[in-house]
């Protein structure tokens, strides 16, 4: 990641917008545009010099899904454009729509996550590096809703690994959390790919596809 990575920030709450700007710039990013409505957001995302965006889901004028639609639109125009979307509530559908393209460089975090500065900034960096970051509460909601309906053919351990993958964890982080080796994690992940019938294709991010299948539960 370049030291002068330029971001668009979209948040209608003035205090939160100022706080996020300070956090991002204090962590080495350049907030090129900080906007508070969908019209200005659409204009800001047209700048080819922007490297990524941190967007609130609900913005003026309707406070429904302006930020989400802007994220999907810019990624349709610029494939793989890094976008981290922030939401006040757990909305599984939002996470699923963001992942629908099957590409990486996308994240969905609850605004409460911003209070943990390290976790928030780490999420921004992972998205900018091409990774996928899904809020742990979204993952937990999916797991609770389908506690008795695991993905077909996956073992309990494979389901644990997939849940951590959905949070954007690296193989090393998953290994540490589950107290196993990275080699064991890689074996589980390959097994997950096989059981979910994800083709070996260099043009497709199978890790993202696996998470998308998980969120479709």
N, C-alpha and C. Protein backbone atom coordinates (compact mmCIF):
# COMPACT_ATOMS: atom_id res chain seq x y z
N UNK A 1 0.84 -1.20 0.00
CA UNK A 1 0.00 0.00 0.00
C UNK A 1 0.87 1.24 0.00
N UNK A 2 0.60 2.19 -0.91
CA UNK A 2 1.38 3.42 -0.98
C UNK A 2 1.14 4.28 0.24
N UNK A 3 2.14 5.09 0.58
CA UNK A 3 2.02 5.98 1.72
C UNK A 3 0.98 7.08 1.46
N UNK A 4 0.76 7.39 0.17
CA UNK A 4 -0.17 8.47 -0.17
C UNK A 4 -1.48 7.94 -0.73
N UNK A 5 -1.92 6.77 -0.26
CA UNK A 5 -3.18 6.19 -0.73
C UNK A 5 -4.32 7.17 -0.51
N UNK A 6 -5.05 7.48 -1.59
CA UNK A 6 -6.10 8.50 -1.56
C UNK A 6 -7.47 7.85 -1.45
N UNK A 7 -8.25 8.30 -0.46
CA UNK A 7 -9.55 7.72 -0.18
C UNK A 7 -10.68 8.73 -0.29
N UNK A 8 -11.85 8.21 -0.64
CA UNK A 8 -13.09 8.97 -0.51
C UNK A 8 -13.77 8.49 0.76
N UNK A 9 -14.21 9.42 1.59
CA UNK A 9 -14.94 9.10 2.81
C UNK A 9 -16.34 9.66 2.69
N UNK A 10 -17.35 8.83 2.91
CA UNK A 10 -18.74 9.28 2.84
C UNK A 10 -19.45 8.94 4.14
N UNK A 11 -19.86 9.97 4.87
CA UNK A 11 -20.56 9.81 6.14
C UNK A 11 -21.34 11.09 6.41
N UNK A 12 -22.67 10.97 6.63
CA UNK A 12 -23.48 12.18 6.78
C UNK A 12 -23.39 12.80 8.17
N UNK A 13 -23.00 12.02 9.19
CA UNK A 13 -22.85 12.58 10.53
C UNK A 13 -21.54 13.36 10.61
N UNK A 14 -21.63 14.67 10.86
CA UNK A 14 -20.47 15.54 10.81
C UNK A 14 -19.38 15.14 11.81
N UNK A 15 -19.79 14.79 13.03
CA UNK A 15 -18.81 14.42 14.05
C UNK A 15 -18.09 13.12 13.69
N UNK A 16 -18.86 12.13 13.22
CA UNK A 16 -18.25 10.86 12.85
C UNK A 16 -17.36 11.04 11.62
N UNK A 17 -17.81 11.87 10.69
CA UNK A 17 -17.01 12.12 9.50
C UNK A 17 -15.67 12.75 9.87
N UNK A 18 -15.70 13.71 10.79
CA UNK A 18 -14.46 14.36 11.24
C UNK A 18 -13.57 13.36 11.97
N UNK A 19 -14.20 12.51 12.80
CA UNK A 19 -13.42 11.51 13.55
C UNK A 19 -12.78 10.49 12.63
N UNK A 20 -13.52 10.02 11.63
CA UNK A 20 -12.98 9.05 10.68
C UNK A 20 -11.86 9.66 9.86
N UNK A 21 -12.03 10.91 9.47
CA UNK A 21 -10.98 11.60 8.72
C UNK A 21 -9.69 11.66 9.54
N UNK A 22 -9.83 12.00 10.81
CA UNK A 22 -8.66 12.08 11.69
C UNK A 22 -8.00 10.71 11.85
N UNK A 23 -8.81 9.67 12.04
CA UNK A 23 -8.27 8.32 12.19
C UNK A 23 -7.51 7.87 10.94
N UNK A 24 -8.12 8.08 9.79
CA UNK A 24 -7.52 7.63 8.54
C UNK A 24 -6.24 8.40 8.23
N UNK A 25 -6.30 9.72 8.37
CA UNK A 25 -5.12 10.51 8.07
C UNK A 25 -4.02 10.28 9.10
N UNK A 26 -4.41 10.01 10.34
CA UNK A 26 -3.41 9.70 11.37
C UNK A 26 -2.75 8.36 11.16
N UNK A 27 -3.36 7.52 10.29
CA UNK A 27 -2.81 6.20 9.99
C UNK A 27 -2.10 6.16 8.64
N UNK A 28 -1.90 7.33 8.05
CA UNK A 28 -1.10 7.40 6.83
C UNK A 28 -1.87 7.50 5.53
N UNK A 29 -3.21 7.53 5.59
CA UNK A 29 -4.01 7.67 4.38
C UNK A 29 -4.24 9.14 4.06
N UNK A 30 -4.61 9.42 2.83
CA UNK A 30 -4.99 10.76 2.42
C UNK A 30 -6.49 10.75 2.14
N UNK A 31 -7.26 11.50 2.90
CA UNK A 31 -8.70 11.61 2.65
C UNK A 31 -8.89 12.72 1.62
N UNK A 32 -8.98 12.32 0.36
CA UNK A 32 -9.05 13.28 -0.74
C UNK A 32 -10.38 14.02 -0.77
N UNK A 33 -11.45 13.30 -0.44
CA UNK A 33 -12.79 13.90 -0.39
C UNK A 33 -13.54 13.30 0.79
N UNK A 34 -14.18 14.16 1.58
CA UNK A 34 -15.05 13.72 2.67
C UNK A 34 -16.42 14.33 2.40
N UNK A 35 -17.39 13.51 2.05
CA UNK A 35 -18.70 14.01 1.62
C UNK A 35 -19.81 13.52 2.55
N UNK A 36 -20.97 14.19 2.46
CA UNK A 36 -22.07 13.84 3.37
C UNK A 36 -23.38 13.51 2.67
N UNK A 37 -23.33 13.32 1.34
CA UNK A 37 -24.56 12.98 0.62
C UNK A 37 -24.23 12.19 -0.63
N UNK A 38 -25.25 11.54 -1.20
CA UNK A 38 -25.07 10.63 -2.32
C UNK A 38 -24.62 11.34 -3.60
N UNK A 39 -25.11 12.56 -3.82
CA UNK A 39 -24.74 13.29 -5.04
C UNK A 39 -23.24 13.60 -5.05
N UNK A 40 -22.73 14.11 -3.94
CA UNK A 40 -21.31 14.41 -3.86
C UNK A 40 -20.47 13.14 -3.87
N UNK A 41 -21.01 12.08 -3.31
CA UNK A 41 -20.30 10.80 -3.30
C UNK A 41 -20.11 10.29 -4.73
N UNK A 42 -21.18 10.31 -5.51
CA UNK A 42 -21.08 9.85 -6.90
C UNK A 42 -20.05 10.66 -7.67
N UNK A 43 -20.01 11.96 -7.42
CA UNK A 43 -19.04 12.83 -8.10
C UNK A 43 -17.62 12.50 -7.65
N UNK A 44 -17.43 12.29 -6.36
CA UNK A 44 -16.09 12.01 -5.82
C UNK A 44 -15.53 10.70 -6.37
N UNK A 45 -16.41 9.71 -6.57
CA UNK A 45 -15.96 8.40 -7.04
C UNK A 45 -15.60 8.40 -8.52
N UNK A 46 -15.90 9.49 -9.22
CA UNK A 46 -15.53 9.60 -10.63
C UNK A 46 -14.05 9.95 -10.80
N UNK A 47 -13.42 10.41 -9.74
CA UNK A 47 -12.01 10.80 -9.79
C UNK A 47 -11.13 9.57 -10.00
N UNK A 48 -10.43 9.46 -11.13
CA UNK A 48 -9.58 8.29 -11.39
C UNK A 48 -8.38 8.20 -10.46
N UNK A 49 -8.09 9.29 -9.75
CA UNK A 49 -6.94 9.28 -8.85
C UNK A 49 -7.26 8.74 -7.46
N UNK A 50 -8.53 8.36 -7.23
CA UNK A 50 -8.93 7.80 -5.94
C UNK A 50 -8.56 6.32 -5.90
N UNK A 51 -7.99 5.90 -4.77
CA UNK A 51 -7.52 4.51 -4.62
C UNK A 51 -8.51 3.60 -3.91
N UNK A 52 -9.48 4.17 -3.20
CA UNK A 52 -10.42 3.36 -2.45
C UNK A 52 -11.44 4.25 -1.76
N UNK A 53 -12.42 3.62 -1.09
CA UNK A 53 -13.47 4.40 -0.45
C UNK A 53 -13.94 3.74 0.83
N UNK A 54 -14.31 4.58 1.79
CA UNK A 54 -14.95 4.14 3.04
C UNK A 54 -16.30 4.83 3.06
N UNK A 55 -17.38 4.02 3.00
CA UNK A 55 -18.72 4.58 2.78
C UNK A 55 -19.73 4.13 3.82
N UNK A 56 -20.57 5.06 4.23
CA UNK A 56 -21.73 4.72 5.05
C UNK A 56 -22.80 4.14 4.13
N UNK A 57 -23.51 3.12 4.58
CA UNK A 57 -24.56 2.51 3.75
C UNK A 57 -25.70 3.50 3.51
N UNK A 58 -26.18 4.14 4.58
CA UNK A 58 -27.37 4.99 4.47
C UNK A 58 -26.98 6.46 4.50
N UNK A 59 -27.33 7.17 3.42
CA UNK A 59 -26.97 8.57 3.30
C UNK A 59 -28.15 9.36 2.73
N UNK A 60 -28.08 10.70 2.84
CA UNK A 60 -29.10 11.52 2.20
C UNK A 60 -29.07 11.31 0.69
N UNK A 61 -30.21 11.40 0.01
CA UNK A 61 -31.44 12.01 0.53
C UNK A 61 -32.42 11.04 1.17
N UNK A 62 -32.35 9.74 0.91
CA UNK A 62 -33.38 8.83 1.41
C UNK A 62 -32.97 8.04 2.64
N UNK A 63 -31.68 8.02 2.95
CA UNK A 63 -31.17 7.27 4.10
C UNK A 63 -31.55 5.78 4.03
N UNK A 64 -31.44 5.21 2.84
CA UNK A 64 -31.73 3.78 2.69
C UNK A 64 -30.46 3.02 2.35
N UNK A 65 -30.08 3.03 1.07
CA UNK A 65 -28.89 2.26 0.67
C UNK A 65 -28.03 3.00 -0.34
N UNK A 66 -28.01 4.33 -0.26
CA UNK A 66 -27.24 5.13 -1.22
C UNK A 66 -25.77 4.72 -1.27
N UNK A 67 -25.17 4.55 -0.10
CA UNK A 67 -23.75 4.18 -0.05
C UNK A 67 -23.49 2.82 -0.66
N UNK A 68 -24.37 1.87 -0.39
CA UNK A 68 -24.23 0.53 -0.95
C UNK A 68 -24.33 0.57 -2.47
N UNK A 69 -25.32 1.30 -2.98
CA UNK A 69 -25.49 1.37 -4.42
C UNK A 69 -24.29 2.06 -5.09
N UNK A 70 -23.74 3.07 -4.41
CA UNK A 70 -22.56 3.75 -4.95
C UNK A 70 -21.37 2.80 -4.99
N UNK A 71 -21.24 1.97 -3.95
CA UNK A 71 -20.14 1.00 -3.89
C UNK A 71 -20.24 -0.01 -5.03
N UNK A 72 -21.43 -0.53 -5.24
CA UNK A 72 -21.65 -1.52 -6.30
C UNK A 72 -21.41 -0.89 -7.67
N UNK A 73 -21.86 0.37 -7.84
CA UNK A 73 -21.71 1.06 -9.12
C UNK A 73 -20.25 1.31 -9.46
N UNK A 74 -19.48 1.79 -8.49
CA UNK A 74 -18.07 2.10 -8.78
C UNK A 74 -17.29 0.83 -9.06
N UNK A 75 -17.65 -0.28 -8.40
CA UNK A 75 -16.95 -1.54 -8.65
C UNK A 75 -17.34 -2.14 -10.00
N UNK A 76 -18.53 -1.79 -10.49
CA UNK A 76 -18.92 -2.23 -11.83
C UNK A 76 -18.14 -1.46 -12.88
N UNK A 77 -17.83 -0.20 -12.57
CA UNK A 77 -17.08 0.66 -13.48
C UNK A 77 -15.58 0.42 -13.39
N UNK A 78 -15.12 0.20 -12.16
CA UNK A 78 -13.69 -0.06 -11.92
C UNK A 78 -13.57 -1.40 -11.18
N UNK A 79 -13.38 -2.44 -11.92
CA UNK A 79 -13.34 -3.79 -11.33
C UNK A 79 -12.30 -3.88 -10.22
N UNK A 80 -12.74 -4.44 -9.07
CA UNK A 80 -11.83 -4.62 -7.95
C UNK A 80 -11.50 -3.36 -7.18
N UNK A 81 -12.24 -2.26 -7.43
CA UNK A 81 -12.01 -1.01 -6.70
C UNK A 81 -12.28 -1.25 -5.21
N UNK A 82 -11.30 -0.95 -4.33
CA UNK A 82 -11.46 -1.24 -2.91
C UNK A 82 -12.53 -0.38 -2.23
N UNK A 83 -13.48 -1.02 -1.60
CA UNK A 83 -14.57 -0.32 -0.91
C UNK A 83 -14.83 -0.99 0.44
N UNK A 84 -14.81 -0.18 1.49
CA UNK A 84 -15.21 -0.65 2.82
C UNK A 84 -16.49 0.08 3.20
N UNK A 85 -17.56 -0.68 3.39
CA UNK A 85 -18.86 -0.11 3.71
C UNK A 85 -19.13 -0.22 5.21
N UNK A 86 -19.63 0.86 5.79
CA UNK A 86 -19.96 0.89 7.21
C UNK A 86 -21.48 0.92 7.39
N UNK A 87 -21.97 0.19 8.39
CA UNK A 87 -23.41 0.14 8.63
C UNK A 87 -23.70 0.20 10.12
N UNK A 88 -24.85 0.76 10.45
CA UNK A 88 -25.24 0.85 11.86
C UNK A 88 -25.74 -0.49 12.39
N UNK A 89 -26.31 -1.30 11.48
CA UNK A 89 -26.92 -2.56 11.90
C UNK A 89 -26.40 -3.73 11.07
N UNK A 90 -26.62 -4.94 11.58
CA UNK A 90 -26.27 -6.15 10.84
C UNK A 90 -27.29 -6.35 9.73
N UNK A 91 -26.84 -6.25 8.50
CA UNK A 91 -27.70 -6.46 7.33
C UNK A 91 -26.99 -7.47 6.43
N UNK A 92 -27.35 -8.73 6.59
CA UNK A 92 -26.69 -9.80 5.85
C UNK A 92 -26.78 -9.58 4.34
N UNK A 93 -27.91 -9.02 3.89
CA UNK A 93 -28.12 -8.80 2.47
C UNK A 93 -27.08 -7.85 1.90
N UNK A 94 -26.72 -6.81 2.68
CA UNK A 94 -25.73 -5.84 2.20
C UNK A 94 -24.40 -6.53 1.94
N UNK A 95 -23.97 -7.35 2.90
CA UNK A 95 -22.70 -8.05 2.74
C UNK A 95 -22.74 -8.95 1.52
N UNK A 96 -23.85 -9.62 1.31
CA UNK A 96 -23.98 -10.54 0.18
C UNK A 96 -23.93 -9.79 -1.15
N UNK A 97 -24.60 -8.64 -1.22
CA UNK A 97 -24.61 -7.87 -2.47
C UNK A 97 -23.22 -7.34 -2.80
N UNK A 98 -22.48 -6.94 -1.78
CA UNK A 98 -21.13 -6.44 -2.01
C UNK A 98 -20.21 -7.53 -2.57
N UNK A 99 -20.45 -8.76 -2.15
CA UNK A 99 -19.61 -9.88 -2.58
C UNK A 99 -20.07 -10.52 -3.88
N UNK A 100 -21.21 -10.07 -4.40
CA UNK A 100 -21.84 -10.75 -5.53
C UNK A 100 -20.94 -10.86 -6.76
N UNK A 101 -20.03 -9.91 -6.95
CA UNK A 101 -19.17 -9.94 -8.13
C UNK A 101 -18.13 -11.05 -8.05
N UNK A 102 -17.89 -11.56 -6.85
CA UNK A 102 -16.89 -12.61 -6.70
C UNK A 102 -15.48 -12.08 -6.63
N UNK A 103 -15.31 -10.76 -6.54
CA UNK A 103 -13.99 -10.16 -6.45
C UNK A 103 -13.67 -9.83 -5.00
N UNK A 104 -12.40 -9.60 -4.73
CA UNK A 104 -11.98 -9.19 -3.39
C UNK A 104 -12.01 -7.67 -3.27
N UNK A 105 -11.21 -7.15 -2.35
CA UNK A 105 -11.09 -5.70 -2.12
C UNK A 105 -12.41 -5.09 -1.68
N UNK A 106 -13.12 -5.79 -0.79
CA UNK A 106 -14.40 -5.28 -0.33
C UNK A 106 -14.58 -5.64 1.15
N UNK A 107 -15.25 -4.74 1.86
CA UNK A 107 -15.47 -5.00 3.29
C UNK A 107 -16.81 -4.46 3.75
N UNK A 108 -17.33 -5.06 4.83
CA UNK A 108 -18.59 -4.63 5.43
C UNK A 108 -18.40 -4.71 6.94
N UNK A 109 -18.36 -3.54 7.58
CA UNK A 109 -18.16 -3.48 9.03
C UNK A 109 -19.26 -2.67 9.69
N UNK A 110 -19.59 -3.03 10.93
CA UNK A 110 -20.51 -2.23 11.71
C UNK A 110 -19.78 -1.00 12.23
N UNK A 111 -20.51 0.09 12.39
CA UNK A 111 -19.89 1.33 12.84
C UNK A 111 -19.27 1.19 14.23
N UNK A 112 -19.82 0.30 15.04
CA UNK A 112 -19.25 0.08 16.37
C UNK A 112 -17.80 -0.37 16.28
N UNK A 113 -17.44 -1.00 15.15
CA UNK A 113 -16.08 -1.50 14.97
C UNK A 113 -15.07 -0.37 14.91
N UNK A 114 -15.54 0.85 14.56
CA UNK A 114 -14.64 2.00 14.45
C UNK A 114 -14.03 2.34 15.81
N UNK A 115 -14.75 2.01 16.89
CA UNK A 115 -14.23 2.31 18.22
C UNK A 115 -12.96 1.54 18.53
N UNK A 116 -12.76 0.42 17.85
CA UNK A 116 -11.50 -0.31 17.96
C UNK A 116 -10.63 0.15 16.80
N UNK A 117 -9.83 1.17 17.06
CA UNK A 117 -9.07 1.83 15.99
C UNK A 117 -8.19 0.84 15.23
N UNK A 118 -7.50 -0.02 15.96
CA UNK A 118 -6.60 -0.96 15.31
C UNK A 118 -7.36 -1.89 14.37
N UNK A 119 -8.50 -2.40 14.83
CA UNK A 119 -9.29 -3.33 14.01
C UNK A 119 -9.85 -2.62 12.78
N UNK A 120 -10.32 -1.39 12.96
CA UNK A 120 -10.87 -0.63 11.85
C UNK A 120 -9.80 -0.35 10.78
N UNK A 121 -8.67 0.18 11.21
CA UNK A 121 -7.60 0.52 10.27
C UNK A 121 -7.06 -0.75 9.60
N UNK A 122 -6.97 -1.84 10.36
CA UNK A 122 -6.53 -3.10 9.78
C UNK A 122 -7.51 -3.54 8.69
N UNK A 123 -8.81 -3.35 8.94
CA UNK A 123 -9.81 -3.70 7.94
C UNK A 123 -9.65 -2.87 6.68
N UNK A 124 -9.41 -1.57 6.83
CA UNK A 124 -9.19 -0.70 5.67
C UNK A 124 -7.99 -1.18 4.87
N UNK A 125 -6.91 -1.50 5.57
CA UNK A 125 -5.69 -1.94 4.88
C UNK A 125 -5.90 -3.27 4.16
N UNK A 126 -6.64 -4.18 4.78
CA UNK A 126 -6.87 -5.48 4.14
C UNK A 126 -7.69 -5.32 2.87
N UNK A 127 -8.69 -4.45 2.93
CA UNK A 127 -9.52 -4.21 1.74
C UNK A 127 -8.68 -3.57 0.64
N UNK A 128 -7.86 -2.59 0.98
CA UNK A 128 -7.01 -1.93 -0.02
C UNK A 128 -6.00 -2.91 -0.63
N UNK A 129 -5.64 -3.93 0.14
CA UNK A 129 -4.69 -4.94 -0.35
C UNK A 129 -5.37 -6.02 -1.17
N UNK A 130 -6.70 -5.90 -1.36
CA UNK A 130 -7.43 -6.88 -2.16
C UNK A 130 -8.15 -7.94 -1.36
N UNK A 131 -8.14 -7.81 -0.03
CA UNK A 131 -8.80 -8.81 0.82
C UNK A 131 -10.28 -8.54 1.00
N UNK A 132 -10.92 -9.44 1.74
CA UNK A 132 -12.35 -9.34 2.04
C UNK A 132 -12.54 -9.31 3.55
N UNK A 133 -13.29 -8.34 4.04
CA UNK A 133 -13.49 -8.19 5.48
C UNK A 133 -14.99 -8.11 5.78
N UNK A 134 -15.49 -9.09 6.52
CA UNK A 134 -16.90 -9.09 6.93
C UNK A 134 -16.96 -9.02 8.45
N UNK A 135 -17.80 -8.15 8.96
CA UNK A 135 -17.88 -7.94 10.40
C UNK A 135 -18.19 -9.24 11.15
N UNK A 136 -17.48 -9.50 12.25
CA UNK A 136 -17.72 -10.72 13.04
C UNK A 136 -19.18 -10.88 13.48
N UNK A 137 -19.88 -9.76 13.71
CA UNK A 137 -21.28 -9.87 14.13
C UNK A 137 -22.18 -10.37 13.00
N UNK A 138 -21.81 -10.01 11.76
CA UNK A 138 -22.56 -10.53 10.62
C UNK A 138 -22.36 -12.04 10.53
N UNK A 139 -21.10 -12.45 10.69
CA UNK A 139 -20.78 -13.88 10.66
C UNK A 139 -21.51 -14.62 11.79
N UNK A 140 -21.49 -14.02 12.99
CA UNK A 140 -22.15 -14.65 14.13
C UNK A 140 -23.66 -14.78 13.90
N UNK A 141 -24.26 -13.77 13.27
CA UNK A 141 -25.69 -13.81 12.97
C UNK A 141 -26.02 -14.95 12.03
N UNK A 142 -25.18 -15.12 11.01
CA UNK A 142 -25.38 -16.22 10.06
C UNK A 142 -25.29 -17.56 10.78
N UNK A 143 -24.27 -17.69 11.63
CA UNK A 143 -24.06 -18.95 12.34
C UNK A 143 -25.23 -19.27 13.26
N UNK A 144 -25.72 -18.26 13.99
CA UNK A 144 -26.82 -18.48 14.92
C UNK A 144 -28.09 -18.86 14.18
N UNK A 145 -28.32 -18.24 13.05
CA UNK A 145 -29.54 -18.48 12.29
C UNK A 145 -29.57 -19.88 11.70
N UNK A 146 -28.37 -20.41 11.45
CA UNK A 146 -28.30 -21.71 10.78
C UNK A 146 -27.51 -22.73 11.61
N UNK A 147 -27.66 -22.62 12.92
CA UNK A 147 -26.89 -23.47 13.82
C UNK A 147 -27.09 -24.95 13.53
N UNK A 148 -28.30 -25.32 13.14
CA UNK A 148 -28.59 -26.73 12.89
C UNK A 148 -28.61 -27.06 11.40
N UNK A 149 -28.13 -26.11 10.56
CA UNK A 149 -28.13 -26.35 9.12
C UNK A 149 -26.77 -25.99 8.52
N UNK A 150 -25.73 -26.71 8.87
CA UNK A 150 -24.40 -26.38 8.33
C UNK A 150 -24.38 -26.58 6.83
N UNK A 151 -23.42 -25.92 6.16
CA UNK A 151 -23.29 -26.12 4.72
C UNK A 151 -23.10 -27.59 4.44
N UNK A 152 -23.81 -28.06 3.43
CA UNK A 152 -23.73 -29.47 3.05
C UNK A 152 -22.28 -29.87 2.83
N UNK A 153 -21.95 -31.03 3.36
CA UNK A 153 -20.65 -31.68 3.14
C UNK A 153 -19.48 -31.10 3.96
N UNK A 154 -19.68 -29.98 4.65
CA UNK A 154 -18.58 -29.42 5.43
C UNK A 154 -18.57 -30.01 6.84
N UNK A 155 -17.37 -30.30 7.35
CA UNK A 155 -17.23 -30.77 8.72
C UNK A 155 -17.36 -29.58 9.67
N UNK A 156 -17.47 -29.84 10.96
CA UNK A 156 -17.57 -28.77 11.95
C UNK A 156 -16.34 -27.88 11.92
N UNK A 157 -15.16 -28.49 11.78
CA UNK A 157 -13.92 -27.72 11.73
C UNK A 157 -13.86 -26.86 10.47
N UNK A 158 -14.31 -27.40 9.37
CA UNK A 158 -14.30 -26.64 8.12
C UNK A 158 -15.26 -25.45 8.21
N UNK A 159 -16.35 -25.64 8.92
CA UNK A 159 -17.29 -24.53 9.11
C UNK A 159 -16.66 -23.43 9.95
N UNK A 160 -15.88 -23.83 10.97
CA UNK A 160 -15.17 -22.85 11.80
C UNK A 160 -14.18 -22.06 10.94
N UNK A 161 -13.45 -22.77 10.11
CA UNK A 161 -12.47 -22.13 9.24
C UNK A 161 -13.15 -21.16 8.29
N UNK A 162 -14.27 -21.58 7.71
CA UNK A 162 -15.00 -20.74 6.77
C UNK A 162 -15.54 -19.48 7.45
N UNK A 163 -16.02 -19.62 8.69
CA UNK A 163 -16.52 -18.46 9.43
C UNK A 163 -15.41 -17.44 9.65
N UNK A 164 -14.21 -17.91 9.95
CA UNK A 164 -13.07 -17.01 10.16
C UNK A 164 -12.61 -16.41 8.83
N UNK A 165 -12.71 -17.17 7.76
CA UNK A 165 -12.41 -16.63 6.43
C UNK A 165 -13.36 -15.47 6.12
N UNK A 166 -14.62 -15.61 6.52
CA UNK A 166 -15.62 -14.58 6.26
C UNK A 166 -15.29 -13.28 6.97
N UNK A 167 -14.54 -13.37 8.07
CA UNK A 167 -14.12 -12.18 8.79
C UNK A 167 -12.90 -11.53 8.15
N UNK A 168 -12.37 -12.17 7.10
CA UNK A 168 -11.20 -11.63 6.43
C UNK A 168 -9.89 -12.07 7.03
N UNK A 169 -9.94 -13.11 7.86
CA UNK A 169 -8.71 -13.58 8.52
C UNK A 169 -7.76 -14.25 7.54
N UNK A 170 -6.48 -14.06 7.74
CA UNK A 170 -5.46 -14.75 6.96
C UNK A 170 -5.32 -16.18 7.47
N UNK A 171 -4.62 -17.02 6.72
CA UNK A 171 -4.39 -18.39 7.17
C UNK A 171 -3.66 -18.42 8.50
N UNK A 172 -2.69 -17.51 8.67
CA UNK A 172 -1.94 -17.46 9.92
C UNK A 172 -2.81 -17.09 11.10
N UNK A 173 -3.70 -16.12 10.89
CA UNK A 173 -4.60 -15.70 11.96
C UNK A 173 -5.58 -16.81 12.31
N UNK A 174 -6.09 -17.51 11.30
CA UNK A 174 -7.01 -18.63 11.54
C UNK A 174 -6.29 -19.72 12.33
N UNK A 175 -5.06 -20.01 11.96
CA UNK A 175 -4.27 -21.04 12.64
C UNK A 175 -4.09 -20.69 14.12
N UNK A 176 -3.78 -19.42 14.39
CA UNK A 176 -3.59 -18.97 15.78
C UNK A 176 -4.88 -19.09 16.58
N UNK A 177 -5.99 -18.68 15.98
CA UNK A 177 -7.28 -18.73 16.66
C UNK A 177 -7.71 -20.15 16.99
N UNK A 178 -7.48 -21.07 16.06
CA UNK A 178 -7.92 -22.45 16.24
C UNK A 178 -6.85 -23.35 16.85
N UNK A 179 -5.67 -22.77 17.11
CA UNK A 179 -4.56 -23.52 17.72
C UNK A 179 -4.15 -24.72 16.86
N UNK A 180 -4.02 -24.46 15.57
CA UNK A 180 -3.55 -25.49 14.64
C UNK A 180 -2.45 -24.88 13.78
N UNK A 181 -1.85 -25.68 12.92
CA UNK A 181 -0.80 -25.18 12.04
C UNK A 181 -1.40 -24.53 10.79
N UNK A 182 -0.61 -23.67 10.15
CA UNK A 182 -1.07 -23.06 8.90
C UNK A 182 -1.27 -24.12 7.82
N UNK A 183 -0.45 -25.18 7.88
CA UNK A 183 -0.58 -26.26 6.92
C UNK A 183 -1.95 -26.93 7.07
N UNK A 184 -2.40 -27.09 8.33
CA UNK A 184 -3.71 -27.69 8.58
C UNK A 184 -4.83 -26.79 8.07
N UNK A 185 -4.66 -25.47 8.27
CA UNK A 185 -5.66 -24.52 7.79
C UNK A 185 -5.75 -24.57 6.27
N UNK A 186 -4.61 -24.58 5.61
CA UNK A 186 -4.59 -24.65 4.15
C UNK A 186 -5.29 -25.92 3.65
N UNK A 187 -5.09 -27.02 4.36
CA UNK A 187 -5.73 -28.28 3.99
C UNK A 187 -7.25 -28.17 4.13
N UNK A 188 -7.70 -27.56 5.23
CA UNK A 188 -9.15 -27.37 5.44
C UNK A 188 -9.74 -26.47 4.33
N UNK A 189 -9.02 -25.40 3.99
CA UNK A 189 -9.52 -24.47 2.99
C UNK A 189 -9.63 -25.14 1.63
N UNK A 190 -8.63 -25.91 1.27
CA UNK A 190 -8.69 -26.64 0.00
C UNK A 190 -9.85 -27.62 -0.02
N UNK A 191 -10.11 -28.24 1.14
CA UNK A 191 -11.23 -29.17 1.25
C UNK A 191 -12.55 -28.41 1.08
N UNK A 192 -12.64 -27.21 1.68
CA UNK A 192 -13.85 -26.38 1.56
C UNK A 192 -14.09 -26.03 0.10
N UNK A 193 -13.02 -25.61 -0.59
CA UNK A 193 -13.15 -25.27 -2.01
C UNK A 193 -13.69 -26.45 -2.80
N UNK A 194 -13.14 -27.62 -2.52
CA UNK A 194 -13.57 -28.82 -3.24
C UNK A 194 -15.01 -29.18 -2.95
N UNK A 195 -15.41 -29.12 -1.68
CA UNK A 195 -16.77 -29.50 -1.30
C UNK A 195 -17.82 -28.50 -1.79
N UNK A 196 -17.38 -27.24 -2.00
CA UNK A 196 -18.31 -26.23 -2.50
C UNK A 196 -18.28 -26.16 -4.03
N UNK A 197 -17.51 -27.10 -4.62
CA UNK A 197 -17.42 -27.19 -6.09
C UNK A 197 -16.94 -25.89 -6.72
N UNK A 198 -15.96 -25.24 -6.09
CA UNK A 198 -15.41 -24.01 -6.64
C UNK A 198 -14.29 -24.38 -7.61
N UNK A 199 -14.39 -24.00 -8.87
CA UNK A 199 -13.42 -24.40 -9.88
C UNK A 199 -12.05 -23.79 -9.67
N UNK A 200 -11.04 -24.49 -10.11
CA UNK A 200 -9.68 -23.96 -10.06
C UNK A 200 -9.55 -22.99 -11.23
N UNK A 201 -9.61 -21.70 -10.94
CA UNK A 201 -9.60 -20.68 -11.98
C UNK A 201 -8.85 -19.47 -11.46
N UNK A 202 -7.77 -19.12 -12.11
CA UNK A 202 -6.95 -18.00 -11.65
C UNK A 202 -7.70 -16.67 -11.73
N UNK A 203 -8.77 -16.62 -12.53
CA UNK A 203 -9.52 -15.38 -12.68
C UNK A 203 -10.59 -15.22 -11.60
N UNK A 204 -10.76 -16.22 -10.78
CA UNK A 204 -11.80 -16.18 -9.75
C UNK A 204 -11.18 -16.31 -8.37
N UNK A 205 -11.58 -15.45 -7.46
CA UNK A 205 -11.09 -15.50 -6.09
C UNK A 205 -11.94 -16.53 -5.33
N UNK A 206 -11.42 -17.75 -5.22
CA UNK A 206 -12.22 -18.82 -4.60
C UNK A 206 -12.48 -18.55 -3.13
N UNK A 207 -11.60 -17.82 -2.49
CA UNK A 207 -11.81 -17.49 -1.08
C UNK A 207 -13.06 -16.63 -0.93
N UNK A 208 -13.20 -15.64 -1.80
CA UNK A 208 -14.38 -14.79 -1.77
C UNK A 208 -15.63 -15.58 -2.14
N UNK A 209 -15.51 -16.44 -3.13
CA UNK A 209 -16.65 -17.26 -3.55
C UNK A 209 -17.13 -18.16 -2.41
N UNK A 210 -16.19 -18.69 -1.63
CA UNK A 210 -16.56 -19.54 -0.50
C UNK A 210 -17.31 -18.74 0.55
N UNK A 211 -16.83 -17.51 0.83
CA UNK A 211 -17.51 -16.65 1.80
C UNK A 211 -18.90 -16.28 1.30
N UNK A 212 -19.02 -16.02 0.02
CA UNK A 212 -20.32 -15.69 -0.56
C UNK A 212 -21.29 -16.85 -0.40
N UNK A 213 -20.81 -18.07 -0.63
CA UNK A 213 -21.65 -19.25 -0.45
C UNK A 213 -22.09 -19.35 1.01
N UNK A 214 -21.21 -19.02 1.91
CA UNK A 214 -21.51 -19.06 3.34
C UNK A 214 -22.61 -18.07 3.69
N UNK A 215 -22.51 -16.83 3.15
CA UNK A 215 -23.49 -15.80 3.46
C UNK A 215 -24.84 -16.06 2.80
N UNK A 216 -24.87 -16.97 1.85
CA UNK A 216 -26.13 -17.31 1.20
C UNK A 216 -26.94 -18.28 2.02
N UNK A 217 -26.40 -18.77 3.12
CA UNK A 217 -27.12 -19.72 3.96
C UNK A 217 -28.49 -19.17 4.38
